[in-house]
Amino acid sequence: MTGIGGKIVLVTGGRKGPSVTAIDMPELNSEVLLRLTYGDRTIGKAGGWLGAFLLQYLSTQERDRRIAEWLGYIEGIGHNLWELLGRALTDALKERHRGHG
């Protein structure tokens, strides 16, 4: 993965041996992954998945006040990862096994 995109390397088995395919993922770039992990990277403020994870270390009162923020990130991470790479990976696997039962 780089600043201009990434690739998924897909290795599947078959009757004639393994098949290796590189899938272009232009939207899977370092900026997108950094934003997902760290948020907007505002100086002095943790955001994104990591920032939400760190909420558990706040005082009880502050944590209770911001629990919905933490839960929102936990609930949303699956969707975010699906959109980022899960859908492309699933489509590629379906394409390679079409007609193979």
Protein backbone atom coordinates (compact mmCIF):
# COMPACT_ATOMS: atom_id res chain seq x y z
CA MET A 1 0.00 0.00 0.00
CA THR A 2 1.23 3.46 -0.89
CA GLY A 3 -0.09 6.99 -1.09
CA ILE A 4 -1.58 6.24 -4.51
CA GLY A 5 -3.21 2.89 -3.80
CA GLY A 6 -2.59 -0.70 -2.99
CA LYS A 7 -3.07 -4.24 -4.17
CA ILE A 8 -4.47 -7.40 -2.72
CA VAL A 9 -2.55 -10.53 -3.66
CA LEU A 10 -5.03 -13.35 -4.04
CA VAL A 11 -3.74 -16.93 -4.06
CA THR A 12 -6.26 -19.63 -4.85
CA GLY A 13 -5.90 -23.34 -5.42
CA GLY A 14 -7.07 -25.22 -8.44
CA ARG A 15 -6.76 -28.45 -10.36
CA LYS A 16 -3.65 -27.15 -12.12
CA GLY A 17 -2.06 -25.75 -8.98
CA PRO A 18 -2.12 -22.39 -7.27
CA SER A 19 -3.18 -19.25 -9.07
CA VAL A 20 -1.79 -15.86 -8.02
CA THR A 21 -3.60 -12.65 -8.93
CA ALA A 22 -2.93 -9.04 -7.96
CA ILE A 23 -6.07 -6.95 -7.52
CA ASP A 24 -5.69 -3.20 -7.94
CA MET A 25 -7.12 -1.24 -5.00
CA PRO A 26 -6.64 2.46 -5.83
CA GLU A 27 -8.85 3.53 -2.90
CA LEU A 28 -6.76 1.49 -0.45
CA ASN A 29 -4.07 4.09 0.14
CA SER A 30 -2.05 5.15 3.14
CA GLU A 31 -4.08 8.33 3.72
CA VAL A 32 -7.36 6.41 3.91
CA LEU A 33 -5.88 3.86 6.29
CA LEU A 34 -4.34 6.57 8.48
CA ARG A 35 -7.67 8.42 8.63
CA LEU A 36 -9.50 5.20 9.58
CA THR A 37 -6.93 4.45 12.27
CA TYR A 38 -6.12 7.92 13.62
CA GLY A 39 -8.95 10.18 12.45
CA ASP A 40 -8.15 13.57 11.00
CA ARG A 41 -4.85 13.64 12.95
CA THR A 42 -5.55 16.93 14.64
CA ILE A 43 -2.54 17.86 16.77
CA GLY A 44 -3.08 16.83 20.37
CA LYS A 45 -6.22 14.83 19.67
CA ALA A 46 -6.49 11.10 18.96
CA GLY A 47 -9.30 10.18 16.60
CA GLY A 48 -10.42 7.32 14.39
CA TRP A 49 -10.29 3.74 15.61
CA LEU A 50 -7.30 4.36 17.87
CA GLY A 51 -8.86 7.43 19.45
CA ALA A 52 -12.06 5.52 20.13
CA PHE A 53 -10.08 2.65 21.63
CA LEU A 54 -8.24 5.05 23.94
CA LEU A 55 -11.55 6.30 25.40
CA GLN A 56 -11.51 3.32 27.76
CA TYR A 57 -8.57 4.91 29.59
CA LEU A 58 -10.37 8.17 30.41
CA SER A 59 -11.85 8.92 33.80
CA THR A 60 -15.10 7.11 34.51
CA GLN A 61 -17.13 10.29 34.16
CA GLU A 62 -15.55 11.28 30.83
CA ARG A 63 -15.75 7.71 29.52
CA ASP A 64 -19.44 7.48 30.41
CA ARG A 65 -20.08 10.78 28.65
CA ARG A 66 -18.34 9.58 25.47
CA ILE A 67 -19.33 5.89 25.44
CA ALA A 68 -21.60 6.37 22.41
CA GLU A 69 -18.60 7.66 20.44
CA TRP A 70 -16.59 4.54 21.29
CA LEU A 71 -19.46 2.18 20.48
CA GLY A 72 -20.09 4.00 17.19
CA TYR A 73 -16.53 3.30 16.05
CA ILE A 74 -16.74 -0.33 17.14
CA GLU A 75 -20.01 -0.77 15.26
CA GLY A 76 -18.72 1.05 12.18
CA ILE A 77 -15.33 -0.58 11.74
CA GLY A 78 -16.75 -3.67 10.04
CA HIS A 79 -18.60 -1.58 7.47
CA ASN A 80 -15.54 0.60 6.89
CA LEU A 81 -13.29 -2.42 6.30
CA TRP A 82 -15.91 -4.02 4.06
CA GLU A 83 -16.07 -0.92 1.90
CA LEU A 84 -12.29 -0.50 1.89
CA LEU A 85 -11.32 -4.05 0.91
CA GLY A 86 -13.86 -6.72 1.81
CA ARG A 87 -16.19 -6.19 -1.14
CA ALA A 88 -13.36 -6.26 -3.71
CA LEU A 89 -11.88 -9.40 -2.15
CA THR A 90 -15.25 -11.18 -2.08
CA ASP A 91 -16.00 -10.19 -5.69
CA ALA A 92 -12.57 -11.43 -6.81
CA LEU A 93 -13.06 -14.78 -5.06
CA LYS A 94 -16.53 -15.19 -6.57
CA GLU A 95 -15.16 -14.39 -10.03
CA ARG A 96 -12.42 -17.02 -9.74
CA HIS A 97 -14.77 -19.74 -8.52
CA ARG A 98 -17.72 -19.03 -10.79
CA GLY A 99 -18.97 -22.31 -12.17
CA HIS A 100 -16.80 -24.40 -9.84
CA GLY A 101 -19.58 -25.11 -7.34
